[in-house]
Amino acid sequence: MEQLFPSLAKVIAGLEPDHRGRRAIIFAAWRRAAGEAIAAKAEPIDLANDRLVIEVKDDTWLSHLQALAPQMLAKINKLVGEGTVKRIDFKLGARN
């Protein structure tokens, strides 16, 4: 997958906004940009109108990730093409 990321911007540009492949690529880009520790606590659950929604496990991570949203957005767009994701929203997941 590592070698594929440089080509993803072209692939995504050719897909419809609601295409499952586009969604899968952007979700994978989130995991790559976030790294293992964050990805274990925050999972992409939706992509609508260029807005990525991430479900976060607890209040502490929610607060932390909201502060990091601009950096995370830049990292994702660096992987999938500038302007592909316009916003990241974080929401608290259901409590266990």
PDB file of N, CA and C in Angstrom:
ATOM      1  N   MET A   1       0.821  -1.193   0.000  1.00  0.00           N
ATOM      2  CA  MET A   1       0.000   0.000   0.000  1.00  0.00           C
ATOM      3  C   MET A   1       0.865   1.257   0.000  1.00  0.00           C
ATOM      4  N   GLU A   2       2.020   1.181   0.629  1.00  0.00           N
ATOM      5  CA  GLU A   2       2.925   2.331   0.732  1.00  0.00           C
ATOM      6  C   GLU A   2       3.231   2.940  -0.633  1.00  0.00           C
ATOM      7  N   GLN A   3       3.486   2.112  -1.625  1.00  0.00           N
ATOM      8  CA  GLN A   3       3.832   2.606  -2.953  1.00  0.00           C
ATOM      9  C   GLN A   3       2.626   3.179  -3.697  1.00  0.00           C
ATOM     10  N   LEU A   4       1.425   2.842  -3.272  1.00  0.00           N
ATOM     11  CA  LEU A   4       0.225   3.300  -3.969  1.00  0.00           C
ATOM     12  C   LEU A   4      -0.164   4.740  -3.646  1.00  0.00           C
ATOM     13  N   PHE A   5       0.169   5.221  -2.467  1.00  0.00           N
ATOM     14  CA  PHE A   5      -0.302   6.536  -2.060  1.00  0.00           C
ATOM     15  C   PHE A   5       0.057   7.659  -3.037  1.00  0.00           C
ATOM     16  N   PRO A   6       1.235   7.694  -3.639  1.00  0.00           N
ATOM     17  CA  PRO A   6       1.512   8.782  -4.585  1.00  0.00           C
ATOM     18  C   PRO A   6       0.563   8.811  -5.793  1.00  0.00           C
ATOM     19  N   SER A   7      -0.025   7.698  -6.154  1.00  0.00           N
ATOM     20  CA  SER A   7      -0.919   7.630  -7.310  1.00  0.00           C
ATOM     21  C   SER A   7      -2.382   7.854  -6.958  1.00  0.00           C
ATOM     22  N   LEU A   8      -2.698   7.917  -5.689  1.00  0.00           N
ATOM     23  CA  LEU A   8      -4.097   7.970  -5.272  1.00  0.00           C
ATOM     24  C   LEU A   8      -4.822   9.241  -5.676  1.00  0.00           C
ATOM     25  N   ALA A   9      -4.146  10.361  -5.738  1.00  0.00           N
ATOM     26  CA  ALA A   9      -4.805  11.613  -6.117  1.00  0.00           C
ATOM     27  C   ALA A   9      -5.452  11.485  -7.492  1.00  0.00           C
ATOM     28  N   LYS A  10      -4.765  10.842  -8.427  1.00  0.00           N
ATOM     29  CA  LYS A  10      -5.313  10.666  -9.775  1.00  0.00           C
ATOM     30  C   LYS A  10      -6.500   9.710  -9.756  1.00  0.00           C
ATOM     31  N   VAL A  11      -6.388   8.658  -8.973  1.00  0.00           N
ATOM     32  CA  VAL A  11      -7.483   7.683  -8.875  1.00  0.00           C
ATOM     33  C   VAL A  11      -8.720   8.343  -8.283  1.00  0.00           C
ATOM     34  N   ILE A  12      -8.549   9.058  -7.181  1.00  0.00           N
ATOM     35  CA  ILE A  12      -9.679   9.705  -6.510  1.00  0.00           C
ATOM     36  C   ILE A  12     -10.331  10.749  -7.410  1.00  0.00           C
ATOM     37  N   ALA A  13      -9.532  11.495  -8.154  1.00  0.00           N
ATOM     38  CA  ALA A  13     -10.076  12.524  -9.040  1.00  0.00           C
ATOM     39  C   ALA A  13     -11.021  11.926 -10.078  1.00  0.00           C
ATOM     40  N   GLY A  14     -10.808  10.683 -10.435  1.00  0.00           N
ATOM     41  CA  GLY A  14     -11.658  10.037 -11.434  1.00  0.00           C
ATOM     42  C   GLY A  14     -12.894   9.363 -10.871  1.00  0.00           C
ATOM     43  N   LEU A  15     -13.055   9.372  -9.564  1.00  0.00           N
ATOM     44  CA  LEU A  15     -14.198   8.697  -8.939  1.00  0.00           C
ATOM     45  C   LEU A  15     -15.293   9.686  -8.562  1.00  0.00           C
ATOM     46  N   GLU A  16     -16.513   9.219  -8.606  1.00  0.00           N
ATOM     47  CA  GLU A  16     -17.639  10.030  -8.148  1.00  0.00           C
ATOM     48  C   GLU A  16     -17.518  10.283  -6.646  1.00  0.00           C
ATOM     49  N   PRO A  17     -18.051  11.399  -6.148  1.00  0.00           N
ATOM     50  CA  PRO A  17     -17.933  11.717  -4.721  1.00  0.00           C
ATOM     51  C   PRO A  17     -18.465  10.647  -3.780  1.00  0.00           C
ATOM     52  N   ASP A  18     -19.472   9.893  -4.206  1.00  0.00           N
ATOM     53  CA  ASP A  18     -20.067   8.888  -3.322  1.00  0.00           C
ATOM     54  C   ASP A  18     -19.594   7.458  -3.637  1.00  0.00           C
ATOM     55  N   HIS A  19     -18.553   7.325  -4.412  1.00  0.00           N
ATOM     56  CA  HIS A  19     -18.045   6.014  -4.812  1.00  0.00           C
ATOM     57  C   HIS A  19     -17.404   5.291  -3.620  1.00  0.00           C
ATOM     58  N   ARG A  20     -17.689   4.006  -3.472  1.00  0.00           N
ATOM     59  CA  ARG A  20     -17.138   3.211  -2.360  1.00  0.00           C
ATOM     60  C   ARG A  20     -15.611   3.168  -2.372  1.00  0.00           C
ATOM     61  N   GLY A  21     -15.038   3.141  -3.565  1.00  0.00           N
ATOM     62  CA  GLY A  21     -13.584   3.109  -3.671  1.00  0.00           C
ATOM     63  C   GLY A  21     -12.952   4.385  -3.133  1.00  0.00           C
ATOM     64  N   ARG A  22     -13.570   5.500  -3.419  1.00  0.00           N
ATOM     65  CA  ARG A  22     -13.090   6.797  -2.907  1.00  0.00           C
ATOM     66  C   ARG A  22     -13.099   6.788  -1.380  1.00  0.00           C
ATOM     67  N   ARG A  23     -14.191   6.305  -0.848  1.00  0.00           N
ATOM     68  CA  ARG A  23     -14.344   6.221   0.607  1.00  0.00           C
ATOM     69  C   ARG A  23     -13.256   5.319   1.218  1.00  0.00           C
ATOM     70  N   ALA A  24     -13.040   4.163   0.623  1.00  0.00           N
ATOM     71  CA  ALA A  24     -12.039   3.215   1.132  1.00  0.00           C
ATOM     72  C   ALA A  24     -10.632   3.816   1.088  1.00  0.00           C
ATOM     73  N   ILE A  25     -10.318   4.525   0.016  1.00  0.00           N
ATOM     74  CA  ILE A  25      -8.995   5.136  -0.112  1.00  0.00           C
ATOM     75  C   ILE A  25      -8.801   6.214   0.954  1.00  0.00           C
ATOM     76  N   ILE A  26      -9.801   7.029   1.167  1.00  0.00           N
ATOM     77  CA  ILE A  26      -9.687   8.108   2.155  1.00  0.00           C
ATOM     78  C   ILE A  26      -9.634   7.538   3.567  1.00  0.00           C
ATOM     79  N   PHE A  27     -10.382   6.487   3.837  1.00  0.00           N
ATOM     80  CA  PHE A  27     -10.301   5.835   5.146  1.00  0.00           C
ATOM     81  C   PHE A  27      -8.887   5.264   5.367  1.00  0.00           C
ATOM     82  N   ALA A  28      -8.308   4.671   4.335  1.00  0.00           N
ATOM     83  CA  ALA A  28      -6.940   4.147   4.444  1.00  0.00           C
ATOM     84  C   ALA A  28      -5.941   5.285   4.652  1.00  0.00           C
ATOM     85  N   ALA A  29      -6.180   6.401   3.991  1.00  0.00           N
ATOM     86  CA  ALA A  29      -5.303   7.561   4.167  1.00  0.00           C
ATOM     87  C   ALA A  29      -5.386   8.084   5.599  1.00  0.00           C
ATOM     88  N   TRP A  30      -6.571   8.050   6.186  1.00  0.00           N
ATOM     89  CA  TRP A  30      -6.702   8.456   7.591  1.00  0.00           C
ATOM     90  C   TRP A  30      -5.806   7.580   8.470  1.00  0.00           C
ATOM     91  N   ARG A  31      -5.919   6.272   8.290  1.00  0.00           N
ATOM     92  CA  ARG A  31      -5.135   5.357   9.118  1.00  0.00           C
ATOM     93  C   ARG A  31      -3.632   5.603   8.945  1.00  0.00           C
ATOM     94  N   ARG A  32      -3.234   5.858   7.734  1.00  0.00           N
ATOM     95  CA  ARG A  32      -1.808   6.121   7.440  1.00  0.00           C
ATOM     96  C   ARG A  32      -1.374   7.438   8.074  1.00  0.00           C
ATOM     97  N   ALA A  33      -2.170   8.470   7.901  1.00  0.00           N
ATOM     98  CA  ALA A  33      -1.833   9.791   8.435  1.00  0.00           C
ATOM     99  C   ALA A  33      -1.866   9.807   9.963  1.00  0.00           C
ATOM    100  N   ALA A  34      -2.801   9.079  10.535  1.00  0.00           N
ATOM    101  CA  ALA A  34      -2.979   9.077  11.986  1.00  0.00           C
ATOM    102  C   ALA A  34      -1.893   8.285  12.700  1.00  0.00           C
ATOM    103  N   GLY A  35      -1.460   7.203  12.096  1.00  0.00           N
ATOM    104  CA  GLY A  35      -0.513   6.316  12.763  1.00  0.00           C
ATOM    105  C   GLY A  35      -1.262   5.324  13.640  1.00  0.00           C
ATOM    106  N   GLU A  36      -0.547   4.313  14.096  1.00  0.00           N
ATOM    107  CA  GLU A  36      -1.176   3.212  14.837  1.00  0.00           C
ATOM    108  C   GLU A  36      -1.861   3.643  16.127  1.00  0.00           C
ATOM    109  N   ALA A  37      -1.193   4.466  16.909  1.00  0.00           N
ATOM    110  CA  ALA A  37      -1.740   4.851  18.220  1.00  0.00           C
ATOM    111  C   ALA A  37      -3.054   5.605  18.080  1.00  0.00           C
ATOM    112  N   ILE A  38      -3.106   6.578  17.187  1.00  0.00           N
ATOM    113  CA  ILE A  38      -4.337   7.347  17.002  1.00  0.00           C
ATOM    114  C   ILE A  38      -5.390   6.502  16.305  1.00  0.00           C
ATOM    115  N   ALA A  39      -5.004   5.746  15.292  1.00  0.00           N
ATOM    116  CA  ALA A  39      -5.972   4.918  14.561  1.00  0.00           C
ATOM    117  C   ALA A  39      -6.650   3.900  15.477  1.00  0.00           C
ATOM    118  N   ALA A  40      -5.966   3.485  16.536  1.00  0.00           N
ATOM    119  CA  ALA A  40      -6.565   2.547  17.489  1.00  0.00           C
ATOM    120  C   ALA A  40      -7.650   3.213  18.328  1.00  0.00           C
ATOM    121  N   LYS A  41      -7.611   4.518  18.432  1.00  0.00           N
ATOM    122  CA  LYS A  41      -8.572   5.264  19.254  1.00  0.00           C
ATOM    123  C   LYS A  41      -9.584   6.049  18.447  1.00  0.00           C
ATOM    124  N   ALA A  42      -9.361   6.168  17.145  1.00  0.00           N
ATOM    125  CA  ALA A  42     -10.208   7.009  16.307  1.00  0.00           C
ATOM    126  C   ALA A  42     -10.376   6.367  14.934  1.00  0.00           C
ATOM    127  N   GLU A  43     -11.608   6.074  14.577  1.00  0.00           N
ATOM    128  CA  GLU A  43     -11.889   5.302  13.363  1.00  0.00           C
ATOM    129  C   GLU A  43     -12.798   6.084  12.405  1.00  0.00           C
ATOM    130  N   PRO A  44     -12.455   6.112  11.122  1.00  0.00           N
ATOM    131  CA  PRO A  44     -13.335   6.780  10.156  1.00  0.00           C
ATOM    132  C   PRO A  44     -14.637   6.004  10.018  1.00  0.00           C
ATOM    133  N   ILE A  45     -15.753   6.739  10.040  1.00  0.00           N
ATOM    134  CA  ILE A  45     -17.056   6.077   9.928  1.00  0.00           C
ATOM    135  C   ILE A  45     -17.912   6.607   8.783  1.00  0.00           C
ATOM    136  N   ASP A  46     -17.561   7.784   8.244  1.00  0.00           N
ATOM    137  CA  ASP A  46     -18.383   8.342   7.178  1.00  0.00           C
ATOM    138  C   ASP A  46     -17.567   9.333   6.355  1.00  0.00           C
ATOM    139  N   LEU A  47     -17.963   9.460   5.104  1.00  0.00           N
ATOM    140  CA  LEU A  47     -17.412  10.454   4.203  1.00  0.00           C
ATOM    141  C   LEU A  47     -18.577  10.993   3.396  1.00  0.00           C
ATOM    142  N   ALA A  48     -18.890  12.259   3.583  1.00  0.00           N
ATOM    143  CA  ALA A  48     -20.010  12.870   2.873  1.00  0.00           C
ATOM    144  C   ALA A  48     -19.655  14.305   2.531  1.00  0.00           C
ATOM    145  N   ASN A  49     -19.855  14.671   1.272  1.00  0.00           N
ATOM    146  CA  ASN A  49     -19.593  16.039   0.828  1.00  0.00           C
ATOM    147  C   ASN A  49     -18.188  16.506   1.207  1.00  0.00           C
ATOM    148  N   ASP A  50     -17.205  15.668   0.968  1.00  0.00           N
ATOM    149  CA  ASP A  50     -15.800  15.972   1.250  1.00  0.00           C
ATOM    150  C   ASP A  50     -15.518  16.206   2.728  1.00  0.00           C
ATOM    151  N   ARG A  51     -16.396  15.702   3.588  1.00  0.00           N
ATOM    152  CA  ARG A  51     -16.248  15.820   5.041  1.00  0.00           C
ATOM    153  C   ARG A  51     -16.047  14.428   5.601  1.00  0.00           C
ATOM    154  N   LEU A  52     -14.917  14.222   6.268  1.00  0.00           N
ATOM    155  CA  LEU A  52     -14.576  12.944   6.871  1.00  0.00           C
ATOM    156  C   LEU A  52     -15.020  12.962   8.332  1.00  0.00           C
ATOM    157  N   VAL A  53     -15.767  11.945   8.731  1.00  0.00           N
ATOM    158  CA  VAL A  53     -16.236  11.845  10.112  1.00  0.00           C
ATOM    159  C   VAL A  53     -15.474  10.722  10.792  1.00  0.00           C
ATOM    160  N   ILE A  54     -14.885  11.061  11.931  1.00  0.00           N
ATOM    161  CA  ILE A  54     -14.076  10.128  12.700  1.00  0.00           C
ATOM    162  C   ILE A  54     -14.738   9.905  14.052  1.00  0.00           C
ATOM    163  N   GLU A  55     -14.960   8.637  14.400  1.00  0.00           N
ATOM    164  CA  GLU A  55     -15.504   8.289  15.706  1.00  0.00           C
ATOM    165  C   GLU A  55     -14.351   8.058  16.671  1.00  0.00           C
ATOM    166  N   VAL A  56     -14.408   8.736  17.804  1.00  0.00           N
ATOM    167  CA  VAL A  56     -13.326   8.708  18.785  1.00  0.00           C
ATOM    168  C   VAL A  56     -13.803   7.990  20.038  1.00  0.00           C
ATOM    169  N   LYS A  57     -12.894   7.223  20.646  1.00  0.00           N
ATOM    170  CA  LYS A  57     -13.246   6.350  21.769  1.00  0.00           C
ATOM    171  C   LYS A  57     -13.580   7.073  23.071  1.00  0.00           C
ATOM    172  N   ASP A  58     -12.930   8.217  23.355  1.00  0.00           N
ATOM    173  CA  ASP A  58     -13.201   8.873  24.634  1.00  0.00           C
ATOM    174  C   ASP A  58     -12.996  10.384  24.533  1.00  0.00           C
ATOM    175  N   ASP A  59     -13.426  11.087  25.585  1.00  0.00           N
ATOM    176  CA  ASP A  59     -13.373  12.550  25.611  1.00  0.00           C
ATOM    177  C   ASP A  59     -11.959  13.103  25.476  1.00  0.00           C
ATOM    178  N   THR A  60     -11.006  12.439  26.083  1.00  0.00           N
ATOM    179  CA  THR A  60      -9.624  12.915  26.040  1.00  0.00           C
ATOM    180  C   THR A  60      -9.104  12.912  24.603  1.00  0.00           C
ATOM    181  N   TRP A  61      -9.316  11.799  23.900  1.00  0.00           N
ATOM    182  CA  TRP A  61      -8.875  11.720  22.503  1.00  0.00           C
ATOM    183  C   TRP A  61      -9.671  12.683  21.624  1.00  0.00           C
ATOM    184  N   LEU A  62     -10.943  12.851  21.917  1.00  0.00           N
ATOM    185  CA  LEU A  62     -11.768  13.774  21.141  1.00  0.00           C
ATOM    186  C   LEU A  62     -11.182  15.182  21.210  1.00  0.00           C
ATOM    187  N   SER A  63     -10.898  15.638  22.404  1.00  0.00           N
ATOM    188  CA  SER A  63     -10.327  16.971  22.593  1.00  0.00           C
ATOM    189  C   SER A  63      -8.972  17.098  21.898  1.00  0.00           C
ATOM    190  N   HIS A  64      -8.144  16.099  22.069  1.00  0.00           N
ATOM    191  CA  HIS A  64      -6.809  16.097  21.462  1.00  0.00           C
ATOM    192  C   HIS A  64      -6.894  16.156  19.937  1.00  0.00           C
ATOM    193  N   LEU A  65      -7.748  15.328  19.360  1.00  0.00           N
ATOM    194  CA  LEU A  65      -7.840  15.272  17.900  1.00  0.00           C
ATOM    195  C   LEU A  65      -8.499  16.509  17.311  1.00  0.00           C
ATOM    196  N   GLN A  66      -9.437  17.097  18.014  1.00  0.00           N
ATOM    197  CA  GLN A  66     -10.035  18.345  17.522  1.00  0.00           C
ATOM    198  C   GLN A  66      -8.959  19.426  17.401  1.00  0.00           C
ATOM    199  N   ALA A  67      -8.038  19.445  18.351  1.00  0.00           N
ATOM    200  CA  ALA A  67      -6.935  20.412  18.285  1.00  0.00           C
ATOM    201  C   ALA A  67      -5.987  20.108  17.122  1.00  0.00           C
ATOM    202  N   LEU A  68      -5.858  18.832  16.780  1.00  0.00           N
ATOM    203  CA  LEU A  68      -4.964  18.419  15.696  1.00  0.00           C
ATOM    204  C   LEU A  68      -5.631  18.383  14.321  1.00  0.00           C
ATOM    205  N   ALA A  69      -6.901  18.712  14.246  1.00  0.00           N
ATOM    206  CA  ALA A  69      -7.654  18.590  12.989  1.00  0.00           C
ATOM    207  C   ALA A  69      -6.968  19.252  11.795  1.00  0.00           C
ATOM    208  N   PRO A  70      -6.464  20.476  11.906  1.00  0.00           N
ATOM    209  CA  PRO A  70      -5.820  21.074  10.727  1.00  0.00           C
ATOM    210  C   PRO A  70      -4.601  20.279  10.238  1.00  0.00           C
ATOM    211  N   GLN A  71      -3.797  19.786  11.176  1.00  0.00           N
ATOM    212  CA  GLN A  71      -2.628  18.994  10.777  1.00  0.00           C
ATOM    213  C   GLN A  71      -3.048  17.660  10.156  1.00  0.00           C
ATOM    214  N   MET A  72      -4.056  17.024  10.732  1.00  0.00           N
ATOM    215  CA  MET A  72      -4.534  15.750  10.200  1.00  0.00           C
ATOM    216  C   MET A  72      -5.117  15.938   8.805  1.00  0.00           C
ATOM    217  N   LEU A  73      -5.851  17.010   8.612  1.00  0.00           N
ATOM    218  CA  LEU A  73      -6.427  17.310   7.303  1.00  0.00           C
ATOM    219  C   LEU A  73      -5.315  17.503   6.267  1.00  0.00           C
ATOM    220  N   ALA A  74      -4.285  18.219   6.631  1.00  0.00           N
ATOM    221  CA  ALA A  74      -3.162  18.427   5.715  1.00  0.00           C
ATOM    222  C   ALA A  74      -2.469  17.114   5.375  1.00  0.00           C
ATOM    223  N   LYS A  75      -2.271  16.246   6.371  1.00  0.00           N
ATOM    224  CA  LYS A  75      -1.618  14.952   6.125  1.00  0.00           C
ATOM    225  C   LYS A  75      -2.441  14.088   5.178  1.00  0.00           C
ATOM    226  N   ILE A  76      -3.745  14.048   5.392  1.00  0.00           N
ATOM    227  CA  ILE A  76      -4.608  13.236   4.524  1.00  0.00           C
ATOM    228  C   ILE A  76      -4.572  13.774   3.105  1.00  0.00           C
ATOM    229  N   ASN A  77      -4.731  15.073   2.953  1.00  0.00           N
ATOM    230  CA  ASN A  77      -4.745  15.658   1.614  1.00  0.00           C
ATOM    231  C   ASN A  77      -3.399  15.539   0.918  1.00  0.00           C
ATOM    232  N   LYS A  78      -2.332  15.475   1.675  1.00  0.00           N
ATOM    233  CA  LYS A  78      -1.020  15.235   1.057  1.00  0.00           C
ATOM    234  C   LYS A  78      -0.979  13.833   0.434  1.00  0.00           C
ATOM    235  N   LEU A  79      -1.665  12.894   1.064  1.00  0.00           N
ATOM    236  CA  LEU A  79      -1.702  11.520   0.559  1.00  0.00           C
ATOM    237  C   LEU A  79      -2.662  11.337  -0.611  1.00  0.00           C
ATOM    238  N   VAL A  80      -3.822  12.005  -0.563  1.00  0.00           N
ATOM    239  CA  VAL A  80      -4.876  11.726  -1.549  1.00  0.00           C
ATOM    240  C   VAL A  80      -5.136  12.867  -2.528  1.00  0.00           C
ATOM    241  N   GLY A  81      -4.453  13.977  -2.356  1.00  0.00           N
ATOM    242  CA  GLY A  81      -4.633  15.109  -3.263  1.00  0.00           C
ATOM    243  C   GLY A  81      -5.227  16.300  -2.537  1.00  0.00           C
ATOM    244  N   GLU A  82      -4.616  17.442  -2.731  1.00  0.00           N
ATOM    245  CA  GLU A  82      -5.053  18.659  -2.055  1.00  0.00           C
ATOM    246  C   GLU A  82      -6.525  18.952  -2.353  1.00  0.00           C
ATOM    247  N   GLY A  83      -7.271  19.262  -1.298  1.00  0.00           N
ATOM    248  CA  GLY A  83      -8.672  19.611  -1.437  1.00  0.00           C
ATOM    249  C   GLY A  83      -9.626  18.432  -1.517  1.00  0.00           C
ATOM    250  N   THR A  84      -9.103  17.219  -1.473  1.00  0.00           N
ATOM    251  CA  THR A  84      -9.974  16.045  -1.542  1.00  0.00           C
ATOM    252  C   THR A  84     -10.882  15.976  -0.328  1.00  0.00           C
ATOM    253  N   VAL A  85     -10.309  16.166   0.849  1.00  0.00           N
ATOM    254  CA  VAL A  85     -11.086  16.227   2.086  1.00  0.00           C
ATOM    255  C   VAL A  85     -11.042  17.674   2.547  1.00  0.00           C
ATOM    256  N   LYS A  86     -12.197  18.267   2.730  1.00  0.00           N
ATOM    257  CA  LYS A  86     -12.248  19.676   3.097  1.00  0.00           C
ATOM    258  C   LYS A  86     -12.411  19.904   4.599  1.00  0.00           C
ATOM    259  N   ARG A  87     -12.872  18.871   5.291  1.00  0.00           N
ATOM    260  CA  ARG A  87     -13.114  19.032   6.720  1.00  0.00           C
ATOM    261  C   ARG A  87     -13.077  17.666   7.401  1.00  0.00           C
ATOM    262  N   ILE A  88     -12.595  17.650   8.639  1.00  0.00           N
ATOM    263  CA  ILE A  88     -12.667  16.445   9.465  1.00  0.00           C
ATOM    264  C   ILE A  88     -13.497  16.807  10.700  1.00  0.00           C
ATOM    265  N   ASP A  89     -14.511  15.998  10.945  1.00  0.00           N
ATOM    266  CA  ASP A  89     -15.323  16.155  12.146  1.00  0.00           C
ATOM    267  C   ASP A  89     -15.091  14.947  13.037  1.00  0.00           C
ATOM    268  N   PHE A  90     -14.927  15.192  14.315  1.00  0.00           N
ATOM    269  CA  PHE A  90     -14.734  14.123  15.281  1.00  0.00           C
ATOM    270  C   PHE A  90     -15.983  14.028  16.145  1.00  0.00           C
ATOM    271  N   LYS A  91     -16.419  12.803  16.402  1.00  0.00           N
ATOM    272  CA  LYS A  91     -17.570  12.603  17.277  1.00  0.00           C
ATOM    273  C   LYS A  91     -17.250  11.497  18.270  1.00  0.00           C
ATOM    274  N   LEU A  92     -17.815  11.622  19.431  1.00  0.00           N
ATOM    275  CA  LEU A  92     -17.601  10.646  20.470  1.00  0.00           C
ATOM    276  C   LEU A  92     -18.396   9.390  20.149  1.00  0.00           C
ATOM    277  N   GLY A  93     -17.731   8.249  20.233  1.00  0.00           N
ATOM    278  CA  GLY A  93     -18.380   6.977  19.936  1.00  0.00           C
ATOM    279  C   GLY A  93     -19.261   6.529  21.093  1.00  0.00           C
ATOM    280  N   ALA A  94     -20.038   5.517  20.823  1.00  0.00           N
ATOM    281  CA  ALA A  94     -20.911   4.949  21.856  1.00  0.00           C
ATOM    282  C   ALA A  94     -20.064   4.379  22.979  1.00  0.00           C
ATOM    283  N   ARG A  95     -20.477   4.609  24.171  1.00  0.00           N
ATOM    284  CA  ARG A  95     -19.746   4.098  25.336  1.00  0.00           C
ATOM    285  C   ARG A  95     -20.024   2.621  25.499  1.00  0.00           C
ATOM    286  N   ASN A  96     -18.996   1.883  25.891  1.00  0.00           N
ATOM    287  CA  ASN A  96     -19.138   0.425  26.113  1.00  0.00           C
ATOM    288  C   ASN A  96     -19.584   0.148  27.519  1.00  0.00           C
TER     289      ASN A  96
END
